[in-house]
Amino acid sequence: MQRTYFYLNGVSEGFFPEQEVIRLDKAGYTVALNRVAVENAPPYLAAENRAVLSALIRRLSRGDLLVVLELSSLGGSPSDVLSTLTKCRKEGISVRCVEFGNVDLASASEPQAVKMLRAIVRMDTKTRSERSSQGLKRAQLSGRPTGRPISLSLKDRERVIDLLDQGLTVSEIARRFETSRQTIMRIRASSGAFVEAR
């Protein structure tokens, strides 16, 4: 028998989520208060970091129904919401969102709303990658340095090379300069110093 649970995030003022329960009632759901999970997580917080949501999903069994008022209740970004829906689909949990009507967003035959969400995630990934690529090209053309900033000054780098020449180990030099072994090894490689890494 299917059990219905409700997850409410960012509820209205006060302890009891009265306005949210009214919205669920108007949408046709009979709300059992012992099956309502309430959280006030920031909207940008990832689903896995929402303690109440994570605990509720773990509590649900195959065939149960999770109802939310808004898609943003399921995650902090389109890809995060998609990840939550995928997780619920794998667990056999139905998910309905009042914003989208009486549609199981986690059904095996993906509803149009989820296909649209996937398209938004793809578009977002592509545009973010393109913006990053264009920003890097502009920085290179204007002569600005790109990549990780240098962790040691030119003077410190010269001291590192001297210490390598004196036979100190990479680990010992890294400890002296409070940096990583990889930084010391990069300096060694760029200087042409060949000291055994220990």
N, C-alpha and C. Protein backbone atom coordinates (compact mmCIF):
# COMPACT_ATOMS: atom_id res chain seq x y z
N MET A 1 0.83 -1.19 0.00
CA MET A 1 0.00 0.00 0.00
C MET A 1 0.88 1.26 0.00
N GLN A 2 0.58 2.17 -0.89
CA GLN A 2 1.38 3.39 -1.01
C GLN A 2 1.11 4.33 0.16
N ARG A 3 2.20 4.79 0.77
CA ARG A 3 2.10 5.80 1.83
C ARG A 3 2.54 7.12 1.23
N THR A 4 1.90 8.20 1.64
CA THR A 4 2.22 9.52 1.11
C THR A 4 2.90 10.36 2.18
N TYR A 5 4.07 10.91 1.83
CA TYR A 5 4.83 11.78 2.73
C TYR A 5 4.97 13.15 2.07
N PHE A 6 5.08 14.16 2.90
CA PHE A 6 5.18 15.54 2.41
C PHE A 6 6.46 16.16 2.95
N TYR A 7 7.17 16.85 2.05
CA TYR A 7 8.39 17.57 2.46
C TYR A 7 8.17 19.04 2.16
N LEU A 8 8.29 19.86 3.20
CA LEU A 8 8.09 21.31 3.07
C LEU A 8 9.38 22.02 3.46
N ASN A 9 9.90 22.81 2.55
CA ASN A 9 11.12 23.56 2.84
C ASN A 9 10.82 25.05 2.73
N GLY A 10 11.42 25.84 3.65
CA GLY A 10 11.22 27.29 3.63
C GLY A 10 9.79 27.64 3.98
N VAL A 11 9.29 27.07 5.08
CA VAL A 11 7.88 27.29 5.45
C VAL A 11 7.65 28.72 5.92
N SER A 12 6.37 29.09 5.94
CA SER A 12 5.99 30.44 6.37
C SER A 12 6.29 30.64 7.85
N GLU A 13 6.12 31.86 8.33
CA GLU A 13 6.40 32.22 9.72
C GLU A 13 5.68 31.28 10.68
N GLY A 14 6.35 30.98 11.78
CA GLY A 14 5.71 30.16 12.81
C GLY A 14 6.13 28.71 12.73
N PHE A 15 5.77 27.97 13.76
CA PHE A 15 6.19 26.57 13.86
C PHE A 15 5.37 25.67 12.95
N PHE A 16 4.07 25.89 12.89
CA PHE A 16 3.19 25.03 12.10
C PHE A 16 3.05 25.56 10.67
N PRO A 17 3.31 24.74 9.68
CA PRO A 17 3.27 25.20 8.28
C PRO A 17 1.84 25.29 7.74
N GLU A 18 1.04 26.15 8.31
CA GLU A 18 -0.38 26.23 7.99
C GLU A 18 -0.64 26.54 6.52
N GLN A 19 0.04 27.58 5.99
CA GLN A 19 -0.20 27.99 4.60
C GLN A 19 0.17 26.87 3.62
N GLU A 20 1.25 26.17 3.92
CA GLU A 20 1.70 25.09 3.06
C GLU A 20 0.71 23.93 3.07
N VAL A 21 0.18 23.60 4.27
CA VAL A 21 -0.80 22.52 4.38
C VAL A 21 -2.07 22.88 3.63
N ILE A 22 -2.46 24.14 3.69
CA ILE A 22 -3.65 24.60 2.93
C ILE A 22 -3.42 24.41 1.43
N ARG A 23 -2.22 24.76 0.95
CA ARG A 23 -1.91 24.58 -0.48
C ARG A 23 -1.97 23.10 -0.88
N LEU A 24 -1.47 22.22 0.00
CA LEU A 24 -1.51 20.78 -0.28
C LEU A 24 -2.96 20.29 -0.31
N ASP A 25 -3.76 20.79 0.61
CA ASP A 25 -5.17 20.42 0.67
C ASP A 25 -5.90 20.87 -0.60
N LYS A 26 -5.63 22.08 -1.05
CA LYS A 26 -6.25 22.60 -2.27
C LYS A 26 -5.82 21.79 -3.50
N ALA A 27 -4.62 21.21 -3.43
CA ALA A 27 -4.12 20.40 -4.54
C ALA A 27 -4.71 18.99 -4.51
N GLY A 28 -5.52 18.69 -3.47
CA GLY A 28 -6.21 17.40 -3.43
C GLY A 28 -5.58 16.35 -2.53
N TYR A 29 -4.61 16.74 -1.72
CA TYR A 29 -3.94 15.77 -0.83
C TYR A 29 -4.55 15.82 0.57
N THR A 30 -4.72 14.64 1.17
CA THR A 30 -5.12 14.56 2.57
C THR A 30 -3.83 14.48 3.37
N VAL A 31 -3.56 15.48 4.18
CA VAL A 31 -2.28 15.59 4.86
C VAL A 31 -2.37 14.98 6.26
N ALA A 32 -1.58 13.91 6.47
CA ALA A 32 -1.43 13.33 7.81
C ALA A 32 -0.20 14.00 8.42
N LEU A 33 -0.38 14.73 9.51
CA LEU A 33 0.70 15.54 10.07
C LEU A 33 1.91 14.72 10.49
N ASN A 34 1.72 13.44 10.84
CA ASN A 34 2.87 12.61 11.22
C ASN A 34 3.69 12.18 10.00
N ARG A 35 3.22 12.59 8.81
CA ARG A 35 3.98 12.28 7.60
C ARG A 35 4.45 13.55 6.89
N VAL A 36 4.51 14.63 7.64
CA VAL A 36 4.99 15.91 7.11
C VAL A 36 6.38 16.18 7.68
N ALA A 37 7.36 16.38 6.80
CA ALA A 37 8.72 16.74 7.21
C ALA A 37 8.94 18.21 6.86
N VAL A 38 9.36 19.00 7.84
CA VAL A 38 9.53 20.44 7.65
C VAL A 38 11.00 20.81 7.84
N GLU A 39 11.50 21.64 6.92
CA GLU A 39 12.90 22.09 6.99
C GLU A 39 12.96 23.53 6.54
N ASN A 40 13.93 24.27 7.05
CA ASN A 40 14.15 25.65 6.60
C ASN A 40 15.56 25.79 6.05
N ALA A 41 15.89 24.98 5.06
CA ALA A 41 17.21 25.03 4.43
C ALA A 41 17.22 26.14 3.39
N PRO A 42 18.37 26.83 3.23
CA PRO A 42 18.46 27.87 2.19
C PRO A 42 18.22 27.24 0.81
N PRO A 43 17.60 27.97 -0.11
CA PRO A 43 17.25 27.39 -1.41
C PRO A 43 18.45 26.94 -2.23
N TYR A 44 19.64 27.49 -1.96
CA TYR A 44 20.83 27.11 -2.72
C TYR A 44 21.50 25.85 -2.17
N LEU A 45 21.08 25.38 -1.00
CA LEU A 45 21.72 24.23 -0.35
C LEU A 45 21.41 22.95 -1.12
N ALA A 46 22.44 22.15 -1.37
CA ALA A 46 22.27 20.89 -2.10
C ALA A 46 21.39 19.93 -1.31
N ALA A 47 20.68 19.08 -2.03
CA ALA A 47 19.76 18.13 -1.40
C ALA A 47 20.47 17.24 -0.39
N GLU A 48 21.67 16.80 -0.72
CA GLU A 48 22.39 15.91 0.20
C GLU A 48 22.77 16.60 1.50
N ASN A 49 22.78 17.92 1.52
CA ASN A 49 23.09 18.67 2.74
C ASN A 49 21.83 19.12 3.48
N ARG A 50 20.69 18.74 2.99
CA ARG A 50 19.43 19.03 3.68
C ARG A 50 19.11 17.82 4.55
N ALA A 51 19.39 17.94 5.83
CA ALA A 51 19.30 16.80 6.75
C ALA A 51 17.91 16.19 6.78
N VAL A 52 16.87 17.02 6.85
CA VAL A 52 15.49 16.50 6.95
C VAL A 52 15.09 15.78 5.66
N LEU A 53 15.41 16.37 4.50
CA LEU A 53 15.08 15.73 3.23
C LEU A 53 15.81 14.40 3.08
N SER A 54 17.10 14.39 3.40
CA SER A 54 17.88 13.15 3.28
C SER A 54 17.32 12.06 4.18
N ALA A 55 16.97 12.42 5.42
CA ALA A 55 16.41 11.44 6.37
C ALA A 55 15.06 10.93 5.86
N LEU A 56 14.25 11.81 5.30
CA LEU A 56 12.94 11.40 4.79
C LEU A 56 13.08 10.41 3.64
N ILE A 57 13.97 10.71 2.70
CA ILE A 57 14.16 9.81 1.55
C ILE A 57 14.66 8.45 2.02
N ARG A 58 15.54 8.42 3.03
CA ARG A 58 16.01 7.14 3.57
C ARG A 58 14.85 6.36 4.22
N ARG A 59 13.89 7.08 4.77
CA ARG A 59 12.76 6.46 5.48
C ARG A 59 11.75 5.85 4.51
N LEU A 60 11.64 6.41 3.31
CA LEU A 60 10.64 5.96 2.34
C LEU A 60 10.96 4.57 1.81
N SER A 61 9.92 3.84 1.50
CA SER A 61 10.05 2.49 0.94
C SER A 61 9.61 2.50 -0.52
N ARG A 62 9.98 1.45 -1.23
CA ARG A 62 9.56 1.29 -2.63
C ARG A 62 8.03 1.39 -2.70
N GLY A 63 7.55 2.21 -3.62
CA GLY A 63 6.10 2.37 -3.79
C GLY A 63 5.53 3.56 -3.05
N ASP A 64 6.30 4.16 -2.13
CA ASP A 64 5.82 5.33 -1.39
C ASP A 64 5.82 6.56 -2.30
N LEU A 65 5.10 7.58 -1.86
CA LEU A 65 4.98 8.83 -2.62
C LEU A 65 5.51 9.99 -1.80
N LEU A 66 6.37 10.79 -2.41
CA LEU A 66 6.89 12.01 -1.80
C LEU A 66 6.26 13.20 -2.53
N VAL A 67 5.64 14.10 -1.78
CA VAL A 67 4.98 15.26 -2.37
C VAL A 67 5.68 16.53 -1.88
N VAL A 68 6.00 17.42 -2.82
CA VAL A 68 6.57 18.74 -2.48
C VAL A 68 5.73 19.80 -3.17
N LEU A 69 5.80 21.01 -2.64
CA LEU A 69 5.05 22.11 -3.25
C LEU A 69 5.76 22.66 -4.48
N GLU A 70 7.09 22.80 -4.38
CA GLU A 70 7.88 23.42 -5.44
C GLU A 70 9.08 22.56 -5.78
N LEU A 71 9.52 22.65 -7.02
CA LEU A 71 10.67 21.87 -7.48
C LEU A 71 11.93 22.21 -6.69
N SER A 72 12.06 23.47 -6.26
CA SER A 72 13.25 23.90 -5.51
C SER A 72 13.39 23.19 -4.17
N SER A 73 12.31 22.53 -3.72
CA SER A 73 12.39 21.77 -2.47
C SER A 73 13.31 20.56 -2.63
N LEU A 74 13.50 20.12 -3.86
CA LEU A 74 14.26 18.89 -4.12
C LEU A 74 15.75 19.12 -4.36
N GLY A 75 16.20 20.38 -4.35
CA GLY A 75 17.62 20.63 -4.56
C GLY A 75 17.92 22.09 -4.79
N GLY A 76 19.22 22.40 -4.76
CA GLY A 76 19.67 23.78 -4.87
C GLY A 76 19.95 24.26 -6.28
N SER A 77 19.83 23.39 -7.27
CA SER A 77 20.08 23.75 -8.66
C SER A 77 19.33 22.75 -9.54
N PRO A 78 19.16 23.06 -10.83
CA PRO A 78 18.48 22.10 -11.71
C PRO A 78 19.15 20.71 -11.71
N SER A 79 20.48 20.68 -11.75
CA SER A 79 21.17 19.38 -11.75
C SER A 79 20.99 18.65 -10.42
N ASP A 80 20.91 19.39 -9.33
CA ASP A 80 20.71 18.78 -8.02
C ASP A 80 19.30 18.19 -7.91
N VAL A 81 18.30 18.92 -8.42
CA VAL A 81 16.93 18.42 -8.44
C VAL A 81 16.86 17.14 -9.27
N LEU A 82 17.52 17.16 -10.43
CA LEU A 82 17.55 16.00 -11.31
C LEU A 82 18.18 14.80 -10.61
N SER A 83 19.24 15.06 -9.85
CA SER A 83 19.92 14.01 -9.09
C SER A 83 18.99 13.40 -8.04
N THR A 84 18.22 14.25 -7.35
CA THR A 84 17.27 13.76 -6.35
C THR A 84 16.20 12.90 -7.01
N LEU A 85 15.68 13.34 -8.14
CA LEU A 85 14.66 12.58 -8.86
C LEU A 85 15.20 11.23 -9.33
N THR A 86 16.45 11.22 -9.80
CA THR A 86 17.07 9.98 -10.25
C THR A 86 17.23 9.01 -9.09
N LYS A 87 17.64 9.53 -7.94
CA LYS A 87 17.79 8.70 -6.74
C LYS A 87 16.45 8.09 -6.34
N CYS A 88 15.41 8.90 -6.35
CA CYS A 88 14.07 8.40 -6.00
C CYS A 88 13.60 7.35 -7.00
N ARG A 89 13.86 7.57 -8.29
CA ARG A 89 13.47 6.60 -9.32
C ARG A 89 14.14 5.26 -9.05
N LYS A 90 15.44 5.28 -8.73
CA LYS A 90 16.17 4.04 -8.46
C LYS A 90 15.62 3.32 -7.24
N GLU A 91 15.14 4.10 -6.25
CA GLU A 91 14.59 3.51 -5.02
C GLU A 91 13.12 3.12 -5.18
N GLY A 92 12.53 3.42 -6.33
CA GLY A 92 11.13 3.09 -6.56
C GLY A 92 10.16 3.99 -5.82
N ILE A 93 10.60 5.23 -5.55
CA ILE A 93 9.79 6.21 -4.84
C ILE A 93 9.18 7.17 -5.87
N SER A 94 7.87 7.36 -5.79
CA SER A 94 7.21 8.32 -6.67
C SER A 94 7.38 9.72 -6.10
N VAL A 95 7.51 10.71 -6.98
CA VAL A 95 7.66 12.10 -6.54
C VAL A 95 6.67 12.97 -7.33
N ARG A 96 5.87 13.72 -6.58
CA ARG A 96 4.96 14.66 -7.22
C ARG A 96 5.23 16.05 -6.69
N CYS A 97 5.11 17.02 -7.58
CA CYS A 97 5.32 18.42 -7.23
C CYS A 97 4.03 19.17 -7.57
N VAL A 98 3.47 19.85 -6.59
CA VAL A 98 2.22 20.56 -6.78
C VAL A 98 2.33 21.54 -7.95
N GLU A 99 3.49 22.15 -8.13
CA GLU A 99 3.70 23.08 -9.26
C GLU A 99 3.40 22.44 -10.61
N PHE A 100 3.66 21.11 -10.71
CA PHE A 100 3.52 20.41 -11.98
C PHE A 100 2.28 19.53 -12.06
N GLY A 101 1.43 19.58 -11.05
CA GLY A 101 0.19 18.80 -11.09
C GLY A 101 0.40 17.36 -10.66
N ASN A 102 -0.45 16.50 -11.16
CA ASN A 102 -0.49 15.11 -10.71
C ASN A 102 0.40 14.22 -11.57
N VAL A 103 1.67 14.58 -11.69
CA VAL A 103 2.62 13.84 -12.53
C VAL A 103 3.72 13.26 -11.65
N ASP A 104 4.02 11.97 -11.85
CA ASP A 104 5.12 11.35 -11.10
C ASP A 104 6.43 11.73 -11.80
N LEU A 105 7.17 12.62 -11.17
CA LEU A 105 8.42 13.11 -11.77
C LEU A 105 9.54 12.07 -11.74
N ALA A 106 9.36 11.01 -10.95
CA ALA A 106 10.39 9.96 -10.85
C ALA A 106 9.97 8.68 -11.56
N SER A 107 8.98 8.76 -12.43
CA SER A 107 8.50 7.55 -13.11
C SER A 107 9.53 7.08 -14.13
N ALA A 108 9.44 5.80 -14.47
CA ALA A 108 10.38 5.21 -15.44
C ALA A 108 10.26 5.89 -16.80
N SER A 109 9.01 6.17 -17.22
CA SER A 109 8.82 6.92 -18.48
C SER A 109 8.87 8.40 -18.11
N GLU A 110 9.99 9.00 -18.41
CA GLU A 110 10.27 10.37 -17.98
C GLU A 110 9.22 11.37 -18.46
N PRO A 111 8.56 12.09 -17.54
CA PRO A 111 7.58 13.08 -17.97
C PRO A 111 8.24 14.28 -18.66
N GLN A 112 7.44 15.04 -19.37
CA GLN A 112 7.94 16.20 -20.13
C GLN A 112 8.68 17.19 -19.24
N ALA A 113 8.20 17.39 -18.00
CA ALA A 113 8.84 18.35 -17.08
C ALA A 113 10.28 17.95 -16.79
N VAL A 114 10.52 16.65 -16.62
CA VAL A 114 11.88 16.18 -16.32
C VAL A 114 12.76 16.27 -17.56
N LYS A 115 12.18 16.00 -18.73
CA LYS A 115 12.95 16.17 -19.98
C LYS A 115 13.38 17.62 -20.15
N MET A 116 12.48 18.53 -19.80
CA MET A 116 12.80 19.96 -19.87
C MET A 116 13.91 20.30 -18.88
N LEU A 117 13.82 19.72 -17.69
CA LEU A 117 14.85 19.95 -16.67
C LEU A 117 16.21 19.46 -17.16
N ARG A 118 16.23 18.29 -17.80
CA ARG A 118 17.49 17.76 -18.36
C ARG A 118 18.06 18.71 -19.41
N ALA A 119 17.19 19.26 -20.25
CA ALA A 119 17.63 20.20 -21.30
C ALA A 119 18.22 21.45 -20.67
N ILE A 120 17.62 21.92 -19.58
CA ILE A 120 18.13 23.11 -18.88
C ILE A 120 19.50 22.82 -18.29
N VAL A 121 19.68 21.64 -17.71
CA VAL A 121 20.98 21.26 -17.13
C VAL A 121 22.04 21.21 -18.22
N ARG A 122 21.70 20.60 -19.37
CA ARG A 122 22.67 20.54 -20.48
C ARG A 122 23.04 21.94 -20.97
N MET A 123 22.03 22.79 -21.12
CA MET A 123 22.27 24.16 -21.57
C MET A 123 23.15 24.92 -20.57
N ASP A 124 22.84 24.75 -19.28
CA ASP A 124 23.60 25.43 -18.24
C ASP A 124 25.06 24.99 -18.25
N THR A 125 25.29 23.68 -18.37
CA THR A 125 26.65 23.14 -18.41
C THR A 125 27.41 23.68 -19.62
N LYS A 126 26.74 23.68 -20.77
CA LYS A 126 27.39 24.15 -22.01
C LYS A 126 27.72 25.64 -21.94
N THR A 127 26.78 26.46 -21.46
CA THR A 127 27.04 27.90 -21.41
C THR A 127 28.10 28.23 -20.36
N ARG A 128 28.10 27.49 -19.23
CA ARG A 128 29.12 27.74 -18.21
C ARG A 128 30.51 27.39 -18.75
N SER A 129 30.60 26.29 -19.49
CA SER A 129 31.87 25.88 -20.08
C SER A 129 32.34 26.91 -21.11
N GLU A 130 31.39 27.38 -21.92
CA GLU A 130 31.74 28.37 -22.95
C GLU A 130 32.18 29.69 -22.32
N ARG A 131 31.48 30.15 -21.26
CA ARG A 131 31.87 31.39 -20.58
C ARG A 131 33.27 31.26 -19.99
N SER A 132 33.54 30.11 -19.40
CA SER A 132 34.85 29.88 -18.80
C SER A 132 35.95 29.90 -19.86
N SER A 133 35.67 29.25 -20.99
CA SER A 133 36.64 29.21 -22.09
C SER A 133 36.90 30.60 -22.65
N GLN A 134 35.84 31.38 -22.85
CA GLN A 134 35.97 32.74 -23.38
C GLN A 134 36.73 33.64 -22.40
N GLY A 135 36.44 33.49 -21.11
CA GLY A 135 37.13 34.28 -20.08
C GLY A 135 38.62 33.99 -20.07
N LEU A 136 38.97 32.72 -20.22
CA LEU A 136 40.38 32.31 -20.25
C LEU A 136 41.09 32.90 -21.48
N LYS A 137 40.42 32.85 -22.62
CA LYS A 137 41.01 33.41 -23.86
C LYS A 137 41.23 34.91 -23.72
N ARG A 138 40.24 35.63 -23.16
CA ARG A 138 40.38 37.08 -22.97
C ARG A 138 41.54 37.40 -22.03
N ALA A 139 41.66 36.61 -20.96
CA ALA A 139 42.75 36.84 -20.00
C ALA A 139 44.10 36.62 -20.67
N GLN A 140 44.21 35.57 -21.48
CA GLN A 140 45.47 35.29 -22.17
C GLN A 140 45.82 36.39 -23.18
N LEU A 141 44.81 36.86 -23.92
CA LEU A 141 45.04 37.92 -24.91
C LEU A 141 45.45 39.24 -24.26
N SER A 142 44.93 39.50 -23.06
CA SER A 142 45.28 40.76 -22.39
C SER A 142 46.57 40.64 -21.56
N GLY A 143 47.16 39.44 -21.56
CA GLY A 143 48.44 39.26 -20.87
C GLY A 143 48.32 38.98 -19.38
N ARG A 144 47.10 38.80 -18.90
CA ARG A 144 46.93 38.47 -17.47
C ARG A 144 47.34 37.02 -17.24
N PRO A 145 47.93 36.75 -16.09
CA PRO A 145 48.31 35.37 -15.79
C PRO A 145 47.07 34.50 -15.60
N THR A 146 47.17 33.25 -16.05
CA THR A 146 46.08 32.30 -15.87
C THR A 146 46.59 31.10 -15.10
N GLY A 147 45.68 30.30 -14.60
CA GLY A 147 46.08 29.12 -13.84
C GLY A 147 46.28 29.45 -12.37
N ARG A 148 46.83 28.47 -11.66
CA ARG A 148 47.04 28.64 -10.23
C ARG A 148 48.11 29.70 -9.96
N PRO A 149 47.90 30.52 -8.94
CA PRO A 149 48.93 31.50 -8.60
C PRO A 149 50.16 30.81 -8.02
N ILE A 150 51.32 31.44 -8.20
CA ILE A 150 52.56 30.87 -7.67
C ILE A 150 52.54 30.96 -6.16
N SER A 151 52.85 29.82 -5.49
CA SER A 151 52.76 29.80 -4.03
C SER A 151 54.04 30.30 -3.36
N LEU A 152 55.14 30.30 -4.09
CA LEU A 152 56.40 30.79 -3.51
C LEU A 152 56.93 31.95 -4.35
N SER A 153 57.53 32.90 -3.67
CA SER A 153 58.10 34.06 -4.37
C SER A 153 59.32 33.62 -5.17
N LEU A 154 59.80 34.50 -6.06
CA LEU A 154 60.97 34.20 -6.88
C LEU A 154 62.18 33.94 -5.99
N LYS A 155 62.33 34.73 -4.93
CA LYS A 155 63.45 34.55 -3.99
C LYS A 155 63.37 33.19 -3.31
N ASP A 156 62.14 32.80 -2.87
CA ASP A 156 61.97 31.49 -2.23
C ASP A 156 62.25 30.36 -3.21
N ARG A 157 61.86 30.54 -4.46
CA ARG A 157 62.11 29.51 -5.47
C ARG A 157 63.63 29.32 -5.68
N GLU A 158 64.36 30.42 -5.65
CA GLU A 158 65.82 30.32 -5.78
C GLU A 158 66.41 29.59 -4.57
N ARG A 159 65.89 29.87 -3.38
CA ARG A 159 66.36 29.18 -2.17
C ARG A 159 66.05 27.68 -2.23
N VAL A 160 64.89 27.35 -2.79
CA VAL A 160 64.52 25.94 -2.95
C VAL A 160 65.54 25.23 -3.84
N ILE A 161 65.89 25.86 -4.96
CA ILE A 161 66.85 25.26 -5.89
C ILE A 161 68.20 25.08 -5.21
N ASP A 162 68.63 26.08 -4.41
CA ASP A 162 69.89 25.96 -3.66
C ASP A 162 69.84 24.78 -2.70
N LEU A 163 68.73 24.63 -1.99
CA LEU A 163 68.61 23.53 -1.03
C LEU A 163 68.58 22.18 -1.73
N LEU A 164 67.94 22.12 -2.90
CA LEU A 164 67.96 20.89 -3.69
C LEU A 164 69.39 20.55 -4.10
N ASP A 165 70.14 21.58 -4.52
CA ASP A 165 71.54 21.38 -4.91
C ASP A 165 72.39 20.90 -3.75
N GLN A 166 72.01 21.31 -2.53
CA GLN A 166 72.74 20.89 -1.32
C GLN A 166 72.39 19.46 -0.91
N GLY A 167 71.39 18.87 -1.55
CA GLY A 167 71.05 17.48 -1.27
C GLY A 167 69.88 17.27 -0.31
N LEU A 168 69.19 18.33 0.07
CA LEU A 168 68.03 18.16 0.94
C LEU A 168 66.90 17.47 0.17
N THR A 169 66.08 16.71 0.89
CA THR A 169 64.99 15.99 0.23
C THR A 169 63.84 16.94 -0.08
N VAL A 170 63.02 16.52 -1.03
CA VAL A 170 61.85 17.29 -1.42
C VAL A 170 60.92 17.47 -0.22
N SER A 171 60.72 16.40 0.56
CA SER A 171 59.83 16.47 1.72
C SER A 171 60.34 17.46 2.76
N GLU A 172 61.64 17.44 3.01
CA GLU A 172 62.21 18.35 4.00
C GLU A 172 62.07 19.81 3.57
N ILE A 173 62.32 20.07 2.31
CA ILE A 173 62.19 21.45 1.80
C ILE A 173 60.73 21.90 1.85
N ALA A 174 59.83 21.01 1.51
CA ALA A 174 58.40 21.34 1.55
C ALA A 174 57.98 21.71 2.97
N ARG A 175 58.49 20.97 3.96
CA ARG A 175 58.17 21.30 5.36
C ARG A 175 58.72 22.66 5.74
N ARG A 176 59.94 22.96 5.32
CA ARG A 176 60.57 24.25 5.66
C ARG A 176 59.78 25.44 5.11
N PHE A 177 59.26 25.26 3.89
CA PHE A 177 58.54 26.36 3.24
C PHE A 177 57.02 26.27 3.45
N GLU A 178 56.60 25.28 4.21
CA GLU A 178 55.18 25.05 4.49
C GLU A 178 54.36 25.02 3.20
N THR A 179 54.80 24.17 2.29
CA THR A 179 54.11 24.00 1.01
C THR A 179 54.05 22.51 0.70
N SER A 180 53.51 22.17 -0.43
CA SER A 180 53.37 20.76 -0.80
C SER A 180 54.63 20.24 -1.49
N ARG A 181 54.77 18.92 -1.48
CA ARG A 181 55.88 18.28 -2.19
C ARG A 181 55.77 18.55 -3.69
N GLN A 182 54.51 18.59 -4.19
CA GLN A 182 54.30 18.83 -5.62
C GLN A 182 54.85 20.19 -6.05
N THR A 183 54.70 21.20 -5.18
CA THR A 183 55.23 22.53 -5.50
C THR A 183 56.75 22.47 -5.64
N ILE A 184 57.39 21.79 -4.71
CA ILE A 184 58.86 21.66 -4.75
C ILE A 184 59.28 20.88 -5.98
N MET A 185 58.55 19.82 -6.30
CA MET A 185 58.90 19.02 -7.48
C MET A 185 58.72 19.81 -8.77
N ARG A 186 57.69 20.69 -8.82
CA ARG A 186 57.51 21.53 -10.01
C ARG A 186 58.68 22.51 -10.15
N ILE A 187 59.13 23.08 -9.04
CA ILE A 187 60.27 24.01 -9.08
C ILE A 187 61.50 23.26 -9.55
N ARG A 188 61.69 22.06 -9.01
CA ARG A 188 62.85 21.24 -9.40
C ARG A 188 62.80 20.93 -10.89
N ALA A 189 61.62 20.55 -11.40
CA ALA A 189 61.49 20.19 -12.82
C ALA A 189 61.76 21.39 -13.72
N SER A 190 61.25 22.57 -13.31
CA SER A 190 61.44 23.76 -14.14
C SER A 190 62.87 24.28 -14.09
N SER A 191 63.62 23.93 -13.03
CA SER A 191 64.99 24.43 -12.90
C SER A 191 66.00 23.49 -13.55
N GLY A 192 65.55 22.26 -13.81
CA GLY A 192 66.49 21.30 -14.36
C GLY A 192 67.30 20.61 -13.30
N ALA A 193 66.99 20.84 -12.02
CA ALA A 193 67.72 20.17 -10.93
C ALA A 193 67.20 18.75 -10.84
N PHE A 194 68.11 17.79 -10.79
CA PHE A 194 67.72 16.38 -10.70
C PHE A 194 68.18 15.82 -9.39
N VAL A 195 67.28 15.92 -8.40
CA VAL A 195 67.57 15.37 -7.08
C VAL A 195 66.53 14.30 -6.83
N GLU A 196 66.92 13.19 -6.29
CA GLU A 196 65.99 12.09 -6.06
C GLU A 196 64.88 12.53 -5.11
N ALA A 197 63.63 12.27 -5.50
CA ALA A 197 62.50 12.64 -4.64
C ALA A 197 62.36 11.62 -3.54
N ARG A 198 62.39 12.13 -2.31
CA ARG A 198 62.22 11.26 -1.15
C ARG A 198 61.18 11.89 -0.24
